């Protein structure tokens, strides 16, 4: 999903919040589009193309699945450690529009 796709989903349904799956919601928050899972904004799409990933300390299989399903990025796991594009995953990781990790 991208910012534009998330925006289109909310506009199509005429809402500011749309349930996607169990305890997983797409929400418009200020200028951002957010995927919230169990009360944590796990993915934030900014209008400038940046994506913020934040498991909120919950490095669970389901949190990783939500990030992989609803972002254009792929989180991999090696011996319990998470990675994106061979970069060690950190809380509130920012992915720039060109795909580089900030």
PDB file of N, CA and C in Angstrom:
ATOM      1  N   UNK A   1       0.844  -1.176   0.000  1.00  0.00           N
ATOM      2  CA  UNK A   1       0.000   0.000   0.000  1.00  0.00           C
ATOM      3  C   UNK A   1       0.893   1.244   0.000  1.00  0.00           C
ATOM      4  N   UNK A   2       0.405   2.287  -0.621  1.00  0.00           N
ATOM      5  CA  UNK A   2       1.096   3.574  -0.639  1.00  0.00           C
ATOM      6  C   UNK A   2       0.185   4.622  -0.010  1.00  0.00           C
ATOM      7  N   UNK A   3       0.705   5.812   0.177  1.00  0.00           N
ATOM      8  CA  UNK A   3      -0.096   6.916   0.702  1.00  0.00           C
ATOM      9  C   UNK A   3      -1.327   7.123  -0.179  1.00  0.00           C
ATOM     10  N   UNK A   4      -1.102   7.165  -1.480  1.00  0.00           N
ATOM     11  CA  UNK A   4      -2.191   7.427  -2.433  1.00  0.00           C
ATOM     12  C   UNK A   4      -3.248   6.330  -2.390  1.00  0.00           C
ATOM     13  N   UNK A   5      -2.825   5.079  -2.285  1.00  0.00           N
ATOM     14  CA  UNK A   5      -3.775   3.971  -2.206  1.00  0.00           C
ATOM     15  C   UNK A   5      -4.584   4.033  -0.915  1.00  0.00           C
ATOM     16  N   UNK A   6      -3.923   4.329   0.183  1.00  0.00           N
ATOM     17  CA  UNK A   6      -4.616   4.450   1.468  1.00  0.00           C
ATOM     18  C   UNK A   6      -5.630   5.586   1.425  1.00  0.00           C
ATOM     19  N   UNK A   7      -5.228   6.713   0.872  1.00  0.00           N
ATOM     20  CA  UNK A   7      -6.119   7.865   0.742  1.00  0.00           C
ATOM     21  C   UNK A   7      -7.345   7.496  -0.098  1.00  0.00           C
ATOM     22  N   UNK A   8      -7.128   6.782  -1.205  1.00  0.00           N
ATOM     23  CA  UNK A   8      -8.229   6.380  -2.086  1.00  0.00           C
ATOM     24  C   UNK A   8      -9.202   5.440  -1.368  1.00  0.00           C
ATOM     25  N   UNK A   9      -8.685   4.528  -0.548  1.00  0.00           N
ATOM     26  CA  UNK A   9      -9.547   3.601   0.198  1.00  0.00           C
ATOM     27  C   UNK A   9     -10.462   4.371   1.138  1.00  0.00           C
ATOM     28  N   UNK A  10      -9.891   5.322   1.878  1.00  0.00           N
ATOM     29  CA  UNK A  10     -10.711   6.083   2.823  1.00  0.00           C
ATOM     30  C   UNK A  10     -11.722   6.965   2.092  1.00  0.00           C
ATOM     31  N   UNK A  11     -11.316   7.585   0.994  1.00  0.00           N
ATOM     32  CA  UNK A  11     -12.250   8.412   0.225  1.00  0.00           C
ATOM     33  C   UNK A  11     -13.376   7.566  -0.357  1.00  0.00           C
ATOM     34  N   UNK A  12     -13.037   6.379  -0.852  1.00  0.00           N
ATOM     35  CA  UNK A  12     -14.032   5.500  -1.445  1.00  0.00           C
ATOM     36  C   UNK A  12     -15.105   5.118  -0.424  1.00  0.00           C
ATOM     37  N   UNK A  13     -14.699   4.914   0.820  1.00  0.00           N
ATOM     38  CA  UNK A  13     -15.633   4.510   1.870  1.00  0.00           C
ATOM     39  C   UNK A  13     -16.223   5.704   2.610  1.00  0.00           C
ATOM     40  N   UNK A  14     -15.734   6.925   2.291  1.00  0.00           N
ATOM     41  CA  UNK A  14     -16.264   8.129   2.918  1.00  0.00           C
ATOM     42  C   UNK A  14     -16.040   8.188   4.410  1.00  0.00           C
ATOM     43  N   UNK A  15     -14.899   7.677   4.835  1.00  0.00           N
ATOM     44  CA  UNK A  15     -14.585   7.613   6.276  1.00  0.00           C
ATOM     45  C   UNK A  15     -13.170   8.113   6.542  1.00  0.00           C
ATOM     46  N   UNK A  16     -12.906   8.313   7.815  1.00  0.00           N
ATOM     47  CA  UNK A  16     -11.556   8.638   8.257  1.00  0.00           C
ATOM     48  C   UNK A  16     -10.866   7.420   8.860  1.00  0.00           C
ATOM     49  N   UNK A  17     -11.644   6.368   9.125  1.00  0.00           N
ATOM     50  CA  UNK A  17     -11.122   5.111   9.689  1.00  0.00           C
ATOM     51  C   UNK A  17     -11.804   3.953   8.967  1.00  0.00           C
ATOM     52  N   UNK A  18     -11.013   2.945   8.601  1.00  0.00           N
ATOM     53  CA  UNK A  18     -11.546   1.747   7.940  1.00  0.00           C
ATOM     54  C   UNK A  18     -10.893   0.517   8.552  1.00  0.00           C
ATOM     55  N   UNK A  19     -11.719  -0.418   9.026  1.00  0.00           N
ATOM     56  CA  UNK A  19     -11.183  -1.666   9.564  1.00  0.00           C
ATOM     57  C   UNK A  19     -10.667  -2.517   8.408  1.00  0.00           C
ATOM     58  N   UNK A  20      -9.438  -3.021   8.544  1.00  0.00           N
ATOM     59  CA  UNK A  20      -8.823  -3.856   7.521  1.00  0.00           C
ATOM     60  C   UNK A  20      -8.827  -5.331   7.893  1.00  0.00           C
ATOM     61  N   UNK A  21      -8.511  -5.615   9.146  1.00  0.00           N
ATOM     62  CA  UNK A  21      -8.451  -6.982   9.668  1.00  0.00           C
ATOM     63  C   UNK A  21      -8.696  -6.895  11.159  1.00  0.00           C
ATOM     64  N   UNK A  22      -8.600  -8.046  11.822  1.00  0.00           N
ATOM     65  CA  UNK A  22      -8.759  -8.079  13.271  1.00  0.00           C
ATOM     66  C   UNK A  22      -7.844  -7.042  13.919  1.00  0.00           C
ATOM     67  N   UNK A  23      -8.452  -6.092  14.625  1.00  0.00           N
ATOM     68  CA  UNK A  23      -7.745  -5.040  15.380  1.00  0.00           C
ATOM     69  C   UNK A  23      -6.716  -4.288  14.529  1.00  0.00           C
ATOM     70  N   UNK A  24      -6.965  -4.184  13.235  1.00  0.00           N
ATOM     71  CA  UNK A  24      -6.088  -3.480  12.303  1.00  0.00           C
ATOM     72  C   UNK A  24      -6.928  -2.468  11.534  1.00  0.00           C
ATOM     73  N   UNK A  25      -6.529  -1.192  11.622  1.00  0.00           N
ATOM     74  CA  UNK A  25      -7.319  -0.123  11.046  1.00  0.00           C
ATOM     75  C   UNK A  25      -6.456   0.797  10.194  1.00  0.00           C
ATOM     76  N   UNK A  26      -7.040   1.280   9.107  1.00  0.00           N
ATOM     77  CA  UNK A  26      -6.442   2.342   8.304  1.00  0.00           C
ATOM     78  C   UNK A  26      -7.094   3.632   8.768  1.00  0.00           C
ATOM     79  N   UNK A  27      -6.271   4.617   9.147  1.00  0.00           N
ATOM     80  CA  UNK A  27      -6.772   5.863   9.714  1.00  0.00           C
ATOM     81  C   UNK A  27      -6.083   7.055   9.067  1.00  0.00           C
ATOM     82  N   UNK A  28      -6.870   8.099   8.811  1.00  0.00           N
ATOM     83  CA  UNK A  28      -6.290   9.372   8.378  1.00  0.00           C
ATOM     84  C   UNK A  28      -5.965  10.154   9.661  1.00  0.00           C
ATOM     85  N   UNK A  29      -4.713  10.507   9.818  1.00  0.00           N
ATOM     86  CA  UNK A  29      -4.305  11.255  11.006  1.00  0.00           C
ATOM     87  C   UNK A  29      -3.516  12.470  10.540  1.00  0.00           C
ATOM     88  N   UNK A  30      -4.143  13.636  10.676  1.00  0.00           N
ATOM     89  CA  UNK A  30      -3.598  14.884  10.137  1.00  0.00           C
ATOM     90  C   UNK A  30      -3.370  14.693   8.642  1.00  0.00           C
ATOM     91  N   UNK A  31      -2.171  14.869   8.148  1.00  0.00           N
ATOM     92  CA  UNK A  31      -1.891  14.676   6.725  1.00  0.00           C
ATOM     93  C   UNK A  31      -1.406  13.266   6.417  1.00  0.00           C
ATOM     94  N   UNK A  32      -1.285  12.424   7.421  1.00  0.00           N
ATOM     95  CA  UNK A  32      -0.720  11.081   7.237  1.00  0.00           C
ATOM     96  C   UNK A  32      -1.807  10.020   7.133  1.00  0.00           C
ATOM     97  N   UNK A  33      -1.432   8.888   6.552  1.00  0.00           N
ATOM     98  CA  UNK A  33      -2.265   7.684   6.546  1.00  0.00           C
ATOM     99  C   UNK A  33      -1.566   6.675   7.445  1.00  0.00           C
ATOM    100  N   UNK A  34      -2.315   6.070   8.357  1.00  0.00           N
ATOM    101  CA  UNK A  34      -1.713   5.215   9.380  1.00  0.00           C
ATOM    102  C   UNK A  34      -2.377   3.843   9.382  1.00  0.00           C
ATOM    103  N   UNK A  35      -1.555   2.798   9.490  1.00  0.00           N
ATOM    104  CA  UNK A  35      -2.042   1.447   9.767  1.00  0.00           C
ATOM    105  C   UNK A  35      -1.797   1.220  11.253  1.00  0.00           C
ATOM    106  N   UNK A  36      -2.902   1.056  11.991  1.00  0.00           N
ATOM    107  CA  UNK A  36      -2.831   0.875  13.428  1.00  0.00           C
ATOM    108  C   UNK A  36      -3.213  -0.557  13.752  1.00  0.00           C
ATOM    109  N   UNK A  37      -2.349  -1.225  14.514  1.00  0.00           N
ATOM    110  CA  UNK A  37      -2.593  -2.598  14.926  1.00  0.00           C
ATOM    111  C   UNK A  37      -2.491  -2.673  16.446  1.00  0.00           C
ATOM    112  N   UNK A  38      -3.545  -3.116  17.102  1.00  0.00           N
ATOM    113  CA  UNK A  38      -3.607  -3.201  18.563  1.00  0.00           C
ATOM    114  C   UNK A  38      -3.196  -1.890  19.237  1.00  0.00           C
ATOM    115  N   UNK A  39      -3.650  -0.765  18.686  1.00  0.00           N
ATOM    116  CA  UNK A  39      -3.390   0.540  19.308  1.00  0.00           C
ATOM    117  C   UNK A  39      -2.027   1.126  19.004  1.00  0.00           C
ATOM    118  N   UNK A  40      -1.245   0.479  18.157  1.00  0.00           N
ATOM    119  CA  UNK A  40       0.085   0.985  17.788  1.00  0.00           C
ATOM    120  C   UNK A  40       0.091   1.344  16.312  1.00  0.00           C
ATOM    121  N   UNK A  41       0.578   2.541  16.002  1.00  0.00           N
ATOM    122  CA  UNK A  41       0.719   2.953  14.606  1.00  0.00           C
ATOM    123  C   UNK A  41       1.943   2.251  14.023  1.00  0.00           C
ATOM    124  N   UNK A  42       1.728   1.072  13.452  1.00  0.00           N
ATOM    125  CA  UNK A  42       2.849   0.271  12.962  1.00  0.00           C
ATOM    126  C   UNK A  42       3.394   0.785  11.632  1.00  0.00           C
ATOM    127  N   UNK A  43       2.531   1.425  10.819  1.00  0.00           N
ATOM    128  CA  UNK A  43       2.972   2.010   9.552  1.00  0.00           C
ATOM    129  C   UNK A  43       2.364   3.399   9.435  1.00  0.00           C
ATOM    130  N   UNK A  44       3.194   4.379   9.125  1.00  0.00           N
ATOM    131  CA  UNK A  44       2.706   5.726   8.836  1.00  0.00           C
ATOM    132  C   UNK A  44       3.191   6.108   7.453  1.00  0.00           C
ATOM    133  N   UNK A  45       2.241   6.420   6.583  1.00  0.00           N
ATOM    134  CA  UNK A  45       2.550   6.891   5.236  1.00  0.00           C
ATOM    135  C   UNK A  45       2.462   8.412   5.246  1.00  0.00           C
ATOM    136  N   UNK A  46       3.540   9.077   4.897  1.00  0.00           N
ATOM    137  CA  UNK A  46       3.539  10.537   4.815  1.00  0.00           C
ATOM    138  C   UNK A  46       3.262  10.965   3.371  1.00  0.00           C
ATOM    139  N   UNK A  47       2.669  12.151   3.178  1.00  0.00           N
ATOM    140  CA  UNK A  47       2.374  12.605   1.818  1.00  0.00           C
ATOM    141  C   UNK A  47       3.618  12.765   0.944  1.00  0.00           C
ATOM    142  N   UNK A  48       4.791  12.970   1.560  1.00  0.00           N
ATOM    143  CA  UNK A  48       6.032  13.148   0.781  1.00  0.00           C
ATOM    144  C   UNK A  48       6.645  11.818   0.338  1.00  0.00           C
ATOM    145  N   UNK A  49       5.961  10.700   0.622  1.00  0.00           N
ATOM    146  CA  UNK A  49       6.439   9.391   0.190  1.00  0.00           C
ATOM    147  C   UNK A  49       7.224   8.633   1.247  1.00  0.00           C
ATOM    148  N   UNK A  50       7.538   9.267   2.361  1.00  0.00           N
ATOM    149  CA  UNK A  50       8.248   8.563   3.436  1.00  0.00           C
ATOM    150  C   UNK A  50       7.298   7.603   4.150  1.00  0.00           C
ATOM    151  N   UNK A  51       7.879   6.534   4.680  1.00  0.00           N
ATOM    152  CA  UNK A  51       7.126   5.553   5.452  1.00  0.00           C
ATOM    153  C   UNK A  51       7.841   5.367   6.786  1.00  0.00           C
ATOM    154  N   UNK A  52       7.083   5.447   7.869  1.00  0.00           N
ATOM    155  CA  UNK A  52       7.635   5.212   9.207  1.00  0.00           C
ATOM    156  C   UNK A  52       7.107   3.862   9.687  1.00  0.00           C
ATOM    157  N   UNK A  53       8.017   3.003  10.128  1.00  0.00           N
ATOM    158  CA  UNK A  53       7.660   1.685  10.657  1.00  0.00           C
ATOM    159  C   UNK A  53       7.930   1.674  12.155  1.00  0.00           C
ATOM    160  N   UNK A  54       6.935   1.241  12.919  1.00  0.00           N
ATOM    161  CA  UNK A  54       7.051   1.287  14.363  1.00  0.00           C
ATOM    162  C   UNK A  54       6.283   0.128  15.000  1.00  0.00           C
ATOM    163  N   UNK A  55       6.963  -0.956  15.350  1.00  0.00           N
ATOM    164  CA  UNK A  55       6.244  -2.061  15.992  1.00  0.00           C
ATOM    165  C   UNK A  55       5.875  -1.771  17.448  1.00  0.00           C
ATOM    166  N   UNK A  56       6.319  -0.664  17.986  1.00  0.00           N
ATOM    167  CA  UNK A  56       5.971  -0.304  19.359  1.00  0.00           C
ATOM    168  C   UNK A  56       6.488  -1.294  20.384  1.00  0.00           C
ATOM    169  N   UNK A  57       7.610  -1.921  20.076  1.00  0.00           N
ATOM    170  CA  UNK A  57       8.193  -2.901  20.990  1.00  0.00           C
ATOM    171  C   UNK A  57       7.638  -4.311  20.798  1.00  0.00           C
ATOM    172  N   UNK A  58       6.648  -4.468  19.931  1.00  0.00           N
ATOM    173  CA  UNK A  58       6.003  -5.760  19.694  1.00  0.00           C
ATOM    174  C   UNK A  58       6.586  -6.394  18.441  1.00  0.00           C
ATOM    175  N   UNK A  59       7.699  -7.063  18.572  1.00  0.00           N
ATOM    176  CA  UNK A  59       8.345  -7.739  17.454  1.00  0.00           C
ATOM    177  C   UNK A  59       7.751  -9.140  17.293  1.00  0.00           C
ATOM    178  N   UNK A  60       6.441  -9.161  17.086  1.00  0.00           N
ATOM    179  CA  UNK A  60       5.728 -10.432  16.976  1.00  0.00           C
ATOM    180  C   UNK A  60       5.568 -10.826  15.508  1.00  0.00           C
ATOM    181  N   UNK A  61       5.208 -12.070  15.319  1.00  0.00           N
ATOM    182  CA  UNK A  61       4.960 -12.586  13.973  1.00  0.00           C
ATOM    183  C   UNK A  61       3.826 -11.809  13.289  1.00  0.00           C
ATOM    184  N   UNK A  62       2.780 -11.488  14.056  1.00  0.00           N
ATOM    185  CA  UNK A  62       1.636 -10.798  13.470  1.00  0.00           C
ATOM    186  C   UNK A  62       1.965  -9.344  13.150  1.00  0.00           C
ATOM    187  N   UNK A  63       2.718  -8.669  14.002  1.00  0.00           N
ATOM    188  CA  UNK A  63       3.119  -7.290  13.705  1.00  0.00           C
ATOM    189  C   UNK A  63       3.949  -7.256  12.426  1.00  0.00           C
ATOM    190  N   UNK A  64       4.872  -8.182  12.303  1.00  0.00           N
ATOM    191  CA  UNK A  64       5.685  -8.268  11.090  1.00  0.00           C
ATOM    192  C   UNK A  64       4.802  -8.552   9.875  1.00  0.00           C
ATOM    193  N   UNK A  65       3.828  -9.423  10.028  1.00  0.00           N
ATOM    194  CA  UNK A  65       2.912  -9.743   8.932  1.00  0.00           C
ATOM    195  C   UNK A  65       2.120  -8.518   8.500  1.00  0.00           C
ATOM    196  N   UNK A  66       1.677  -7.699   9.454  1.00  0.00           N
ATOM    197  CA  UNK A  66       0.934  -6.479   9.109  1.00  0.00           C
ATOM    198  C   UNK A  66       1.824  -5.512   8.321  1.00  0.00           C
ATOM    199  N   UNK A  67       3.057  -5.354   8.754  1.00  0.00           N
ATOM    200  CA  UNK A  67       3.982  -4.467   8.032  1.00  0.00           C
ATOM    201  C   UNK A  67       4.215  -5.001   6.625  1.00  0.00           C
ATOM    202  N   UNK A  68       4.434  -6.301   6.498  1.00  0.00           N
ATOM    203  CA  UNK A  68       4.680  -6.892   5.180  1.00  0.00           C
ATOM    204  C   UNK A  68       3.444  -6.819   4.283  1.00  0.00           C
ATOM    205  N   UNK A  69       2.274  -6.939   4.863  1.00  0.00           N
ATOM    206  CA  UNK A  69       1.049  -6.936   4.071  1.00  0.00           C
ATOM    207  C   UNK A  69       0.632  -5.542   3.615  1.00  0.00           C
ATOM    208  N   UNK A  70       0.818  -4.539   4.485  1.00  0.00           N
ATOM    209  CA  UNK A  70       0.273  -3.214   4.194  1.00  0.00           C
ATOM    210  C   UNK A  70       1.309  -2.166   3.802  1.00  0.00           C
ATOM    211  N   UNK A  71       2.566  -2.521   3.761  1.00  0.00           N
ATOM    212  CA  UNK A  71       3.578  -1.583   3.270  1.00  0.00           C
ATOM    213  C   UNK A  71       4.242  -2.199   2.043  1.00  0.00           C
ATOM    214  N   UNK A  72       4.892  -1.383   1.234  1.00  0.00           N
ATOM    215  CA  UNK A  72       5.590  -1.940   0.069  1.00  0.00           C
ATOM    216  C   UNK A  72       6.938  -2.556   0.441  1.00  0.00           C
ATOM    217  N   UNK A  73       7.222  -2.641   1.730  1.00  0.00           N
ATOM    218  CA  UNK A  73       8.510  -3.131   2.212  1.00  0.00           C
ATOM    219  C   UNK A  73       8.392  -4.567   2.689  1.00  0.00           C
ATOM    220  N   UNK A  74       9.523  -5.237   2.774  1.00  0.00           N
ATOM    221  CA  UNK A  74       9.560  -6.629   3.222  1.00  0.00           C
ATOM    222  C   UNK A  74      10.465  -6.728   4.443  1.00  0.00           C
ATOM    223  N   UNK A  75       9.872  -7.066   5.574  1.00  0.00           N
ATOM    224  CA  UNK A  75      10.634  -7.302   6.792  1.00  0.00           C
ATOM    225  C   UNK A  75      11.005  -8.774   6.820  1.00  0.00           C
ATOM    226  N   UNK A  76      12.285  -9.050   6.986  1.00  0.00           N
ATOM    227  CA  UNK A  76      12.740 -10.427   7.128  1.00  0.00           C
ATOM    228  C   UNK A  76      13.241 -10.627   8.557  1.00  0.00           C
ATOM    229  N   UNK A  77      13.323 -11.863   8.954  1.00  0.00           N
ATOM    230  CA  UNK A  77      13.758 -12.185  10.303  1.00  0.00           C
ATOM    231  C   UNK A  77      14.857 -13.230  10.242  1.00  0.00           C
ATOM    232  N   UNK A  78      15.956 -12.940  10.929  1.00  0.00           N
ATOM    233  CA  UNK A  78      17.060 -13.883  11.032  1.00  0.00           C
ATOM    234  C   UNK A  78      17.379 -14.053  12.515  1.00  0.00           C
ATOM    235  N   UNK A  79      17.159 -15.260  13.007  1.00  0.00           N
ATOM    236  CA  UNK A  79      17.392 -15.575  14.420  1.00  0.00           C
ATOM    237  C   UNK A  79      16.707 -14.559  15.346  1.00  0.00           C
ATOM    238  N   UNK A  80      15.471 -14.195  15.000  1.00  0.00           N
ATOM    239  CA  UNK A  80      14.687 -13.287  15.839  1.00  0.00           C
ATOM    240  C   UNK A  80      14.956 -11.809  15.629  1.00  0.00           C
ATOM    241  N   UNK A  81      15.945 -11.483  14.830  1.00  0.00           N
ATOM    242  CA  UNK A  81      16.256 -10.078  14.534  1.00  0.00           C
ATOM    243  C   UNK A  81      15.595  -9.683  13.224  1.00  0.00           C
ATOM    244  N   UNK A  82      15.000  -8.491  13.187  1.00  0.00           N
ATOM    245  CA  UNK A  82      14.309  -8.021  11.992  1.00  0.00           C
ATOM    246  C   UNK A  82      15.231  -7.171  11.128  1.00  0.00           C
ATOM    247  N   UNK A  83      15.015  -7.284   9.809  1.00  0.00           N
ATOM    248  CA  UNK A  83      15.796  -6.512   8.833  1.00  0.00           C
ATOM    249  C   UNK A  83      14.889  -6.026   7.709  1.00  0.00           C
ATOM    250  N   UNK A  84      15.250  -4.881   7.147  1.00  0.00           N
ATOM    251  CA  UNK A  84      14.649  -4.380   5.907  1.00  0.00           C
ATOM    252  C   UNK A  84      15.802  -4.009   4.994  1.00  0.00           C
ATOM    253  N   UNK A  85      15.795  -4.585   3.796  1.00  0.00           N
ATOM    254  CA  UNK A  85      16.876  -4.307   2.831  1.00  0.00           C
ATOM    255  C   UNK A  85      18.256  -4.507   3.460  1.00  0.00           C
ATOM    256  N   UNK A  86      18.421  -5.562   4.225  1.00  0.00           N
ATOM    257  CA  UNK A  86      19.684  -5.895   4.907  1.00  0.00           C
ATOM    258  C   UNK A  86      20.100  -4.872   5.960  1.00  0.00           C
ATOM    259  N   UNK A  87      19.193  -3.990   6.370  1.00  0.00           N
ATOM    260  CA  UNK A  87      19.453  -3.008   7.431  1.00  0.00           C
ATOM    261  C   UNK A  87      18.707  -3.477   8.679  1.00  0.00           C
ATOM    262  N   UNK A  88      19.412  -3.496   9.805  1.00  0.00           N
ATOM    263  CA  UNK A  88      18.811  -3.921  11.066  1.00  0.00           C
ATOM    264  C   UNK A  88      17.628  -3.021  11.402  1.00  0.00           C
ATOM    265  N   UNK A  89      16.489  -3.625  11.688  1.00  0.00           N
ATOM    266  CA  UNK A  89      15.259  -2.899  11.978  1.00  0.00           C
ATOM    267  C   UNK A  89      15.349  -2.200  13.319  1.00  0.00           C
ATOM    268  N   UNK A  90      14.903  -0.952  13.364  1.00  0.00           N
ATOM    269  CA  UNK A  90      14.870  -0.173  14.608  1.00  0.00           C
ATOM    270  C   UNK A  90      13.480   0.423  14.775  1.00  0.00           C
ATOM    271  N   UNK A  91      13.107   0.712  15.999  1.00  0.00           N
ATOM    272  CA  UNK A  91      11.838   1.393  16.261  1.00  0.00           C
ATOM    273  C   UNK A  91      11.802   2.713  15.506  1.00  0.00           C
ATOM    274  N   UNK A  92      10.632   3.048  14.989  1.00  0.00           N
ATOM    275  CA  UNK A  92      10.392   4.303  14.262  1.00  0.00           C
ATOM    276  C   UNK A  92      11.377   4.496  13.104  1.00  0.00           C
ATOM    277  N   UNK A  93      11.626   3.413  12.391  1.00  0.00           N
ATOM    278  CA  UNK A  93      12.502   3.432  11.221  1.00  0.00           C
ATOM    279  C   UNK A  93      11.815   4.217  10.107  1.00  0.00           C
ATOM    280  N   UNK A  94      12.550   5.111   9.458  1.00  0.00           N
ATOM    281  CA  UNK A  94      12.002   5.919   8.371  1.00  0.00           C
ATOM    282  C   UNK A  94      12.588   5.434   7.047  1.00  0.00           C
ATOM    283  N   UNK A  95      11.706   5.126   6.120  1.00  0.00           N
ATOM    284  CA  UNK A  95      12.105   4.730   4.779  1.00  0.00           C
ATOM    285  C   UNK A  95      11.792   5.906   3.857  1.00  0.00           C
ATOM    286  N   UNK A  96      12.814   6.428   3.197  1.00  0.00           N
ATOM    287  CA  UNK A  96      12.628   7.571   2.314  1.00  0.00           C
ATOM    288  C   UNK A  96      11.940   7.157   1.025  1.00  0.00           C
ATOM    289  N   UNK A  97      11.443   8.131   0.288  1.00  0.00           N
ATOM    290  CA  UNK A  97      10.706   7.862  -0.941  1.00  0.00           C
ATOM    291  C   UNK A  97      11.492   7.001  -1.928  1.00  0.00           C
ATOM    292  N   UNK A  98      12.821   7.177  -1.959  1.00  0.00           N
ATOM    293  CA  UNK A  98      13.658   6.406  -2.900  1.00  0.00           C
ATOM    294  C   UNK A  98      13.988   5.007  -2.392  1.00  0.00           C
ATOM    295  N   UNK A  99      13.440   4.652  -1.201  1.00  0.00           N
ATOM    296  CA  UNK A  99      13.649   3.306  -0.659  1.00  0.00           C
ATOM    297  C   UNK A  99      14.817   3.177   0.291  1.00  0.00           C
ATOM    298  N   UNK A 100      15.603   4.229   0.460  1.00  0.00           N
ATOM    299  CA  UNK A 100      16.718   4.159   1.406  1.00  0.00           C
ATOM    300  C   UNK A 100      16.206   4.307   2.832  1.00  0.00           C
ATOM    301  N   UNK A 101      16.958   3.733   3.750  1.00  0.00           N
ATOM    302  CA  UNK A 101      16.582   3.759   5.158  1.00  0.00           C
ATOM    303  C   UNK A 101      17.279   4.932   5.823  1.00  0.00           C
ATOM    304  N   UNK A 102      16.483   5.707   6.545  1.00  0.00           N
ATOM    305  CA  UNK A 102      17.032   6.880   7.242  1.00  0.00           C
ATOM    306  C   UNK A 102      17.321   6.523   8.690  1.00  0.00           C
TER     307      UNK A 102
END
